[in-house]
Amino acid sequence: MTPEDLATAGLRFEITGAVATITLDRPASRNSQTPTMWRTLARLGEQIPDEVRVVVVTGEGTTFSAGLDRNLLTPGGGDGQESVADLLALPDDEVSSTIRAYQDGFVWLSDPRFVSIAVVRGYAIGAGFQLALACDLRVLADDAQLCMKESALGLVPDLAGTKPLVEAVGYARALEICATARMVGASEAVAIGLALTSVPEAELATVVTDLVAALTAPLPGAVRETKALLLGAAGRQLDEQCRLEREAQTRRFRELAALMTPAE
């Protein structure tokens, strides 16, 4: 993907060692999101090399993402390439397939090959909240405000955010957050399980650096196997989960044994 493609989508992307960083780079519009951004995120997900162990998602400036670019709610508006309002003219099956393509920009962040971290300053609203929810872990500045705004617009969250929200806080709290479209502050987000921690903005970079170091310290296979086990655990019967644990541990034993065998 070229720098021009990324710039058109309002994104920056860099890889340093085992860490990939994706930055939403539309600060003039508080990092509002567009279909072009979502499609580009999906392409980035397809291109993450196996050597990457952590993917950090953040926003340029003081806001993670204020959500959907409101210009996209008018036909032909937005980034000049694609408008959400244009979906209204499509048959139902095409609406569904288009939204599926948008969702692809979010769901890849749960890939077991790496751990994804959302680093949230300021507002994470609507699509911004869902992008943070798509990540495995969320670290917040203490000024962070999270909001599932869709119901206030007569819409539903449709960027793969409902499942991780329920998994994080439970059905009742997830329903209340979505249906009321209220703001959830950083301290509450930590208290109800939406975020790992919240810290003063000046400390955020250090906290994330330490977390990345801790995540990349174990052998890659151990973290990947553990993430894969945990991702599906809630939907499995205990016998199946135990079987998968045994199979994963057997693979770990084999890899460790190979590492300890002297080369001839």
Protein backbone atom coordinates (compact mmCIF):
# COMPACT_ATOMS: atom_id res chain seq x y z
CA MET A 1 0.00 0.00 0.00
CA THR A 2 1.42 3.36 -1.02
CA PRO A 3 1.80 6.43 1.22
CA GLU A 4 -0.70 8.14 -1.08
CA ASP A 5 -3.29 5.42 -0.40
CA LEU A 6 -2.82 5.86 3.33
CA ALA A 7 -2.97 9.65 3.11
CA THR A 8 -6.21 9.49 1.09
CA ALA A 9 -7.68 7.27 3.79
CA GLY A 10 -6.49 9.55 6.59
CA LEU A 11 -4.13 6.97 8.05
CA ARG A 12 -0.47 6.50 8.94
CA PHE A 13 1.14 3.09 9.27
CA GLU A 14 4.57 2.05 10.46
CA ILE A 15 6.31 -1.07 11.68
CA THR A 16 9.15 -0.92 14.19
CA GLY A 17 10.50 -4.32 15.08
CA ALA A 18 7.60 -6.46 16.30
CA VAL A 19 5.21 -3.52 16.71
CA ALA A 20 2.91 -2.06 14.05
CA THR A 21 1.30 1.31 14.71
CA ILE A 22 -1.80 2.56 12.94
CA THR A 23 -2.61 6.23 13.45
CA LEU A 24 -5.88 7.84 12.44
CA ASP A 25 -4.60 11.05 10.89
CA ARG A 26 -7.49 13.44 10.31
CA PRO A 27 -7.02 15.76 13.29
CA ALA A 28 -8.87 18.66 11.65
CA SER A 29 -12.06 16.57 11.86
CA ARG A 30 -11.13 14.90 15.17
CA ASN A 31 -10.09 11.77 13.25
CA SER A 32 -13.57 11.18 11.88
CA GLN A 33 -13.92 7.99 9.87
CA THR A 34 -14.93 7.25 6.29
CA PRO A 35 -15.62 4.14 4.20
CA THR A 36 -12.29 4.76 2.47
CA MET A 37 -10.60 4.54 5.87
CA TRP A 38 -12.43 1.32 6.72
CA ARG A 39 -11.56 -0.33 3.43
CA THR A 40 -7.93 0.72 3.83
CA LEU A 41 -7.83 -0.65 7.38
CA ALA A 42 -9.04 -3.98 5.99
CA ARG A 43 -6.21 -3.95 3.44
CA LEU A 44 -3.70 -3.18 6.17
CA GLY A 45 -4.99 -6.17 8.11
CA GLU A 46 -4.28 -8.41 5.13
CA GLN A 47 -0.71 -7.13 4.95
CA ILE A 48 0.42 -7.40 8.58
CA PRO A 49 3.59 -9.56 8.50
CA ASP A 50 3.86 -12.59 10.76
CA GLU A 51 6.76 -10.97 12.60
CA VAL A 52 4.40 -8.36 14.10
CA ARG A 53 3.38 -9.27 17.64
CA VAL A 54 1.58 -6.11 18.73
CA VAL A 55 -0.63 -3.71 16.75
CA VAL A 56 -1.20 -0.30 18.33
CA VAL A 57 -4.14 1.80 17.11
CA THR A 58 -4.21 5.47 18.06
CA GLY A 59 -5.34 8.88 16.86
CA GLU A 60 -3.37 11.97 15.92
CA GLY A 61 -3.87 14.90 18.25
CA THR A 62 -6.13 15.07 21.27
CA THR A 63 -8.97 12.81 20.09
CA PHE A 64 -8.95 9.11 19.22
CA SER A 65 -11.91 9.37 16.84
CA ALA A 66 -15.12 11.39 16.86
CA GLY A 67 -16.80 8.65 14.80
CA LEU A 68 -18.37 8.79 11.38
CA ASP A 69 -17.67 11.85 9.26
CA ARG A 70 -21.11 13.49 9.33
CA ASN A 71 -20.66 14.67 5.74
CA LEU A 72 -21.07 11.02 4.79
CA LEU A 73 -24.71 11.11 5.86
CA THR A 74 -25.58 13.22 2.81
CA PRO A 75 -25.54 11.71 -0.70
CA GLY A 76 -22.24 12.33 -2.44
CA GLY A 77 -20.72 13.87 0.67
CA GLY A 78 -17.65 12.91 2.64
CA ASP A 79 -14.30 12.04 1.12
CA GLY A 80 -15.47 12.30 -2.49
CA GLN A 81 -15.18 8.55 -3.03
CA GLU A 82 -17.96 6.84 -1.09
CA SER A 83 -20.82 8.01 1.11
CA VAL A 84 -22.75 6.03 3.69
CA ALA A 85 -25.88 7.84 2.51
CA ASP A 86 -25.43 6.22 -0.91
CA LEU A 87 -26.33 2.88 0.70
CA LEU A 88 -29.96 4.03 0.79
CA ALA A 89 -30.23 3.57 -2.98
CA LEU A 90 -28.96 -0.04 -2.92
CA PRO A 91 -30.94 -3.27 -2.63
CA ASP A 92 -30.80 -4.96 0.78
CA ASP A 93 -28.24 -7.59 -0.21
CA GLU A 94 -25.85 -4.94 -1.52
CA VAL A 95 -26.29 -2.86 1.63
CA SER A 96 -25.39 -5.93 3.67
CA SER A 97 -22.34 -6.81 1.57
CA THR A 98 -21.09 -3.22 1.68
CA ILE A 99 -21.40 -3.06 5.46
CA ARG A 100 -19.60 -6.41 5.63
CA ALA A 101 -16.70 -4.84 3.74
CA TYR A 102 -16.66 -1.97 6.24
CA GLN A 103 -16.65 -4.44 9.15
CA ASP A 104 -13.58 -6.12 7.68
CA GLY A 105 -11.64 -3.00 8.63
CA PHE A 106 -12.35 -3.79 12.30
CA VAL A 107 -12.58 -7.56 12.80
CA TRP A 108 -9.01 -8.34 11.70
CA LEU A 109 -7.73 -6.74 14.90
CA SER A 110 -8.77 -9.91 16.79
CA ASP A 111 -6.37 -12.06 14.73
CA PRO A 112 -4.53 -14.41 17.15
CA ARG A 113 -1.19 -13.69 15.45
CA PHE A 114 -0.82 -10.49 17.46
CA VAL A 115 -2.27 -8.53 20.38
CA SER A 116 -4.00 -5.27 19.44
CA ILE A 117 -4.08 -2.22 21.71
CA ALA A 118 -6.27 0.86 21.36
CA VAL A 119 -4.63 3.94 22.86
CA VAL A 120 -7.46 6.40 23.47
CA ARG A 121 -7.18 10.12 24.16
CA GLY A 122 -10.24 12.34 24.25
CA TYR A 123 -13.33 11.14 22.44
CA ALA A 124 -14.01 7.68 21.02
CA ILE A 125 -17.52 8.04 19.65
CA GLY A 126 -19.58 5.69 17.49
CA ALA A 127 -17.22 4.20 14.93
CA GLY A 128 -14.36 5.43 17.11
CA PHE A 129 -15.68 3.48 20.09
CA GLN A 130 -16.16 0.42 17.89
CA LEU A 131 -12.60 0.66 16.60
CA ALA A 132 -11.35 0.73 20.18
CA LEU A 133 -13.60 -2.25 20.99
CA ALA A 134 -12.16 -4.16 18.03
CA CYS A 135 -8.79 -4.18 19.80
CA ASP A 136 -7.92 -6.76 22.43
CA LEU A 137 -6.86 -4.17 25.01
CA ARG A 138 -7.74 -0.56 25.66
CA VAL A 139 -5.53 1.94 27.48
CA LEU A 140 -7.11 5.33 28.12
CA ALA A 141 -5.94 8.79 28.97
CA ASP A 142 -7.91 10.05 31.94
CA ASP A 143 -9.76 12.52 29.70
CA ALA A 144 -11.18 9.74 27.49
CA GLN A 145 -14.90 9.71 26.78
CA LEU A 146 -16.50 6.69 25.10
CA CYS A 147 -19.92 6.76 23.48
CA MET A 148 -21.98 4.46 21.26
CA LYS A 149 -23.79 7.30 19.50
CA GLU A 150 -25.66 5.33 16.85
CA SER A 151 -29.03 5.09 18.60
CA ALA A 152 -29.19 8.89 18.86
CA LEU A 153 -29.00 8.95 15.05
CA GLY A 154 -31.69 6.28 14.66
CA LEU A 155 -29.07 3.66 13.76
CA VAL A 156 -27.45 0.60 15.36
CA PRO A 157 -23.76 -0.15 15.94
CA ASP A 158 -22.77 -2.10 12.83
CA LEU A 159 -18.96 -2.10 12.77
CA ALA A 160 -18.54 -5.30 14.80
CA GLY A 161 -18.66 -3.48 18.14
CA THR A 162 -21.66 -5.14 19.82
CA LYS A 163 -20.04 -8.51 20.56
CA PRO A 164 -16.86 -7.20 22.25
CA LEU A 165 -18.95 -4.68 24.19
CA VAL A 166 -21.18 -7.41 25.63
CA GLU A 167 -18.16 -9.59 26.33
CA ALA A 168 -16.50 -6.73 28.20
CA VAL A 169 -19.37 -5.42 30.33
CA GLY A 170 -22.26 -7.91 30.06
CA TYR A 171 -25.62 -7.64 28.30
CA ALA A 172 -27.42 -5.27 30.64
CA ARG A 173 -24.67 -2.66 30.81
CA ALA A 174 -24.01 -2.95 27.06
CA LEU A 175 -27.70 -2.36 26.33
CA GLU A 176 -27.77 0.68 28.61
CA ILE A 177 -24.64 2.16 27.02
CA CYS A 178 -25.94 1.65 23.48
CA ALA A 179 -29.58 2.58 24.00
CA THR A 180 -28.90 5.78 25.95
CA ALA A 181 -25.91 6.87 23.81
CA ARG A 182 -24.40 8.34 26.96
CA MET A 183 -20.74 9.12 27.57
CA VAL A 184 -18.65 6.65 29.55
CA GLY A 185 -15.70 8.35 31.20
CA ALA A 186 -12.27 6.82 31.62
CA SER A 187 -12.61 5.91 35.29
CA GLU A 188 -15.97 4.21 34.72
CA ALA A 189 -14.59 2.38 31.68
CA VAL A 190 -11.89 0.85 33.85
CA ALA A 191 -14.34 0.02 36.63
CA ILE A 192 -16.75 -1.88 34.34
CA GLY A 193 -14.08 -3.72 32.37
CA LEU A 194 -14.01 -1.69 29.17
CA ALA A 195 -10.38 -0.64 29.63
CA LEU A 196 -7.26 -1.95 31.30
CA THR A 197 -6.33 1.36 32.88
CA SER A 198 -6.61 5.11 32.60
CA VAL A 199 -3.68 7.42 33.28
CA PRO A 200 -2.85 11.10 32.88
CA GLU A 201 -2.16 11.90 29.24
CA ALA A 202 1.48 12.71 30.03
CA GLU A 203 1.98 9.13 31.25
CA LEU A 204 0.14 7.40 28.41
CA ALA A 205 3.13 6.78 26.13
CA THR A 206 5.18 5.27 28.95
CA VAL A 207 2.35 2.98 30.04
CA VAL A 208 1.83 1.75 26.47
CA THR A 209 5.56 1.22 25.95
CA ASP A 210 5.73 -0.89 29.12
CA LEU A 211 2.68 -2.90 28.09
CA VAL A 212 4.12 -3.59 24.64
CA ALA A 213 7.39 -4.72 26.21
CA ALA A 214 5.55 -7.10 28.52
CA LEU A 215 3.48 -8.54 25.65
CA THR A 216 6.52 -9.15 23.47
CA ALA A 217 8.66 -10.71 26.22
CA PRO A 218 7.24 -14.29 26.07
CA LEU A 219 7.81 -16.53 23.07
CA PRO A 220 5.47 -15.51 20.21
CA GLY A 221 3.79 -18.90 20.03
CA ALA A 222 2.80 -18.81 23.68
CA VAL A 223 0.94 -15.50 23.35
CA ARG A 224 -0.69 -16.47 20.05
CA GLU A 225 -1.90 -19.84 21.36
CA THR A 226 -3.21 -18.23 24.55
CA LYS A 227 -5.10 -15.55 22.65
CA ALA A 228 -6.68 -18.16 20.38
CA LEU A 229 -7.79 -20.16 23.42
CA LEU A 230 -9.31 -17.17 25.17
CA LEU A 231 -11.04 -15.72 22.10
CA GLY A 232 -13.47 -18.60 21.76
CA ALA A 233 -13.62 -19.80 25.34
CA ALA A 234 -16.98 -18.23 26.23
CA GLY A 235 -18.77 -20.05 23.41
CA ARG A 236 -17.29 -23.50 24.03
CA GLN A 237 -18.22 -26.34 26.32
CA LEU A 238 -15.65 -27.15 29.00
CA ASP A 239 -14.71 -30.48 27.41
CA GLU A 240 -13.95 -28.79 24.09
CA GLN A 241 -11.96 -26.02 25.76
CA CYS A 242 -9.93 -28.58 27.71
CA ARG A 243 -9.22 -30.48 24.49
CA LEU A 244 -8.00 -27.32 22.78
CA GLU A 245 -5.80 -26.51 25.78
CA ARG A 246 -4.22 -29.96 25.56
CA GLU A 247 -3.59 -29.61 21.84
CA ALA A 248 -2.11 -26.13 22.24
CA GLN A 249 0.13 -27.25 25.09
CA THR A 250 1.37 -30.19 23.05
CA ARG A 251 2.39 -27.78 20.30
CA ARG A 252 4.14 -25.61 22.88
CA PHE A 253 6.05 -28.62 24.28
CA ARG A 254 7.18 -29.56 20.78
CA GLU A 255 8.41 -26.05 20.00
CA LEU A 256 10.24 -25.73 23.31
CA ALA A 257 11.85 -29.12 22.84
CA ALA A 258 13.05 -28.07 19.39
CA LEU A 259 14.54 -24.88 20.82
CA MET A 260 16.40 -26.82 23.50
CA THR A 261 17.78 -29.45 21.12
CA PRO A 262 21.39 -28.59 20.24
CA ALA A 263 22.00 -27.98 16.57
CA GLU A 264 24.17 -30.64 14.96
